[in-house]
């Protein structure tokens, strides 16, 4: 659960979480499994989880990528 919360904070800090995307599950839901799979031993703090997820950007699931893209678009990024 701590990793899930950390991912949520990372995505929010990155400007990737938007209300419309959250209403449909958004990055928090869509990326939770990716974060658990790709960054299992990463401890939260100092952007470590965000950095890990970014280093595995090409390995993210289509659902995670789509949720992040939708949230960024909703934020105008």
C-alpha atoms as a PDB file:
ATOM      1  CA  UNK A   1       0.000   0.000   0.000  1.00  0.00           C
ATOM      2  CA  UNK A   2       2.879   2.377   0.738  1.00  0.00           C
ATOM      3  CA  UNK A   3       4.217   1.971  -2.791  1.00  0.00           C
ATOM      4  CA  UNK A   4       0.777   2.680  -4.217  1.00  0.00           C
ATOM      5  CA  UNK A   5       0.513   5.878  -2.181  1.00  0.00           C
ATOM      6  CA  UNK A   6       4.021   6.869  -3.241  1.00  0.00           C
ATOM      7  CA  UNK A   7       3.168   6.358  -6.891  1.00  0.00           C
ATOM      8  CA  UNK A   8       0.128   8.557  -6.464  1.00  0.00           C
ATOM      9  CA  UNK A   9       2.259  11.316  -4.978  1.00  0.00           C
ATOM     10  CA  UNK A  10       4.863  10.937  -7.704  1.00  0.00           C
ATOM     11  CA  UNK A  11       2.286  11.243 -10.447  1.00  0.00           C
ATOM     12  CA  UNK A  12       0.665  14.230  -8.777  1.00  0.00           C
ATOM     13  CA  UNK A  13       4.021  15.955  -8.396  1.00  0.00           C
ATOM     14  CA  UNK A  14       4.791  15.291 -12.030  1.00  0.00           C
ATOM     15  CA  UNK A  15       1.588  17.007 -13.047  1.00  0.00           C
ATOM     16  CA  UNK A  16       0.162  13.801 -14.426  1.00  0.00           C
ATOM     17  CA  UNK A  17      -2.937  13.482 -12.278  1.00  0.00           C
ATOM     18  CA  UNK A  18      -6.044  15.317 -13.404  1.00  0.00           C
ATOM     19  CA  UNK A  19      -9.647  15.141 -12.229  1.00  0.00           C
ATOM     20  CA  UNK A  20     -11.049  13.697 -15.490  1.00  0.00           C
ATOM     21  CA  UNK A  21      -8.498  10.919 -15.556  1.00  0.00           C
ATOM     22  CA  UNK A  22      -9.068  10.110 -11.909  1.00  0.00           C
ATOM     23  CA  UNK A  23     -12.770   9.807 -12.543  1.00  0.00           C
ATOM     24  CA  UNK A  24     -11.943   6.945 -14.914  1.00  0.00           C
ATOM     25  CA  UNK A  25      -9.358   5.328 -12.643  1.00  0.00           C
ATOM     26  CA  UNK A  26      -6.452   7.407 -13.885  1.00  0.00           C
ATOM     27  CA  UNK A  27      -2.721   6.817 -13.539  1.00  0.00           C
ATOM     28  CA  UNK A  28      -2.949   5.727  -9.910  1.00  0.00           C
ATOM     29  CA  UNK A  29      -4.987   2.702 -10.853  1.00  0.00           C
ATOM     30  CA  UNK A  30      -3.543   2.064 -14.287  1.00  0.00           C
ATOM     31  CA  UNK A  31       0.105   2.249 -13.185  1.00  0.00           C
ATOM     32  CA  UNK A  32      -0.047   0.463  -9.828  1.00  0.00           C
ATOM     33  CA  UNK A  33       0.765  -2.963 -11.280  1.00  0.00           C
ATOM     34  CA  UNK A  34       3.559  -1.526 -13.446  1.00  0.00           C
ATOM     35  CA  UNK A  35       5.128   0.182 -10.440  1.00  0.00           C
ATOM     36  CA  UNK A  36       4.944  -3.028  -8.398  1.00  0.00           C
ATOM     37  CA  UNK A  37       6.468  -5.037 -11.250  1.00  0.00           C
ATOM     38  CA  UNK A  38       9.152  -2.612 -12.445  1.00  0.00           C
ATOM     39  CA  UNK A  39      10.177  -0.924  -9.190  1.00  0.00           C
ATOM     40  CA  UNK A  40       9.494  -3.466  -6.419  1.00  0.00           C
ATOM     41  CA  UNK A  41      12.427  -2.633  -4.149  1.00  0.00           C
ATOM     42  CA  UNK A  42      12.408   1.131  -4.593  1.00  0.00           C
ATOM     43  CA  UNK A  43      11.750   3.039  -1.394  1.00  0.00           C
ATOM     44  CA  UNK A  44       9.784   6.282  -1.593  1.00  0.00           C
ATOM     45  CA  UNK A  45      11.591   9.558  -1.138  1.00  0.00           C
ATOM     46  CA  UNK A  46      13.670  11.973  -3.170  1.00  0.00           C
ATOM     47  CA  UNK A  47      11.744  11.089  -6.332  1.00  0.00           C
ATOM     48  CA  UNK A  48      13.098   7.540  -6.379  1.00  0.00           C
ATOM     49  CA  UNK A  49       9.868   5.925  -7.545  1.00  0.00           C
ATOM     50  CA  UNK A  50       9.273   8.561 -10.215  1.00  0.00           C
ATOM     51  CA  UNK A  51      12.835   8.123 -11.443  1.00  0.00           C
ATOM     52  CA  UNK A  52      12.428   4.350 -11.537  1.00  0.00           C
ATOM     53  CA  UNK A  53       9.160   4.568 -13.450  1.00  0.00           C
ATOM     54  CA  UNK A  54      10.672   7.033 -15.915  1.00  0.00           C
ATOM     55  CA  UNK A  55      13.663   4.749 -16.448  1.00  0.00           C
ATOM     56  CA  UNK A  56      11.204   2.005 -17.411  1.00  0.00           C
ATOM     57  CA  UNK A  57       8.994   4.247 -19.566  1.00  0.00           C
ATOM     58  CA  UNK A  58       9.274   1.955 -22.571  1.00  0.00           C
ATOM     59  CA  UNK A  59       8.146  -0.987 -20.438  1.00  0.00           C
ATOM     60  CA  UNK A  60       5.010   0.630 -19.021  1.00  0.00           C
ATOM     61  CA  UNK A  61       1.748  -1.028 -19.934  1.00  0.00           C
ATOM     62  CA  UNK A  62      -0.402   0.554 -22.606  1.00  0.00           C
ATOM     63  CA  UNK A  63      -3.024   1.316 -19.964  1.00  0.00           C
ATOM     64  CA  UNK A  64      -0.537   3.157 -17.771  1.00  0.00           C
ATOM     65  CA  UNK A  65       0.853   5.131 -20.712  1.00  0.00           C
ATOM     66  CA  UNK A  66      -2.650   6.052 -21.857  1.00  0.00           C
ATOM     67  CA  UNK A  67      -3.732   7.159 -18.382  1.00  0.00           C
ATOM     68  CA  UNK A  68      -0.645   9.328 -17.959  1.00  0.00           C
ATOM     69  CA  UNK A  69      -1.085  10.844 -21.434  1.00  0.00           C
ATOM     70  CA  UNK A  70      -4.767  11.596 -20.754  1.00  0.00           C
ATOM     71  CA  UNK A  71      -3.988  13.192 -17.408  1.00  0.00           C
ATOM     72  CA  UNK A  72      -1.186  15.287 -18.871  1.00  0.00           C
ATOM     73  CA  UNK A  73      -3.423  16.405 -21.741  1.00  0.00           C
ATOM     74  CA  UNK A  74      -6.110  17.398 -19.266  1.00  0.00           C
ATOM     75  CA  UNK A  75      -3.496  19.518 -17.474  1.00  0.00           C
ATOM     76  CA  UNK A  76      -2.321  21.038 -20.725  1.00  0.00           C
ATOM     77  CA  UNK A  77       1.121  19.351 -20.689  1.00  0.00           C
END
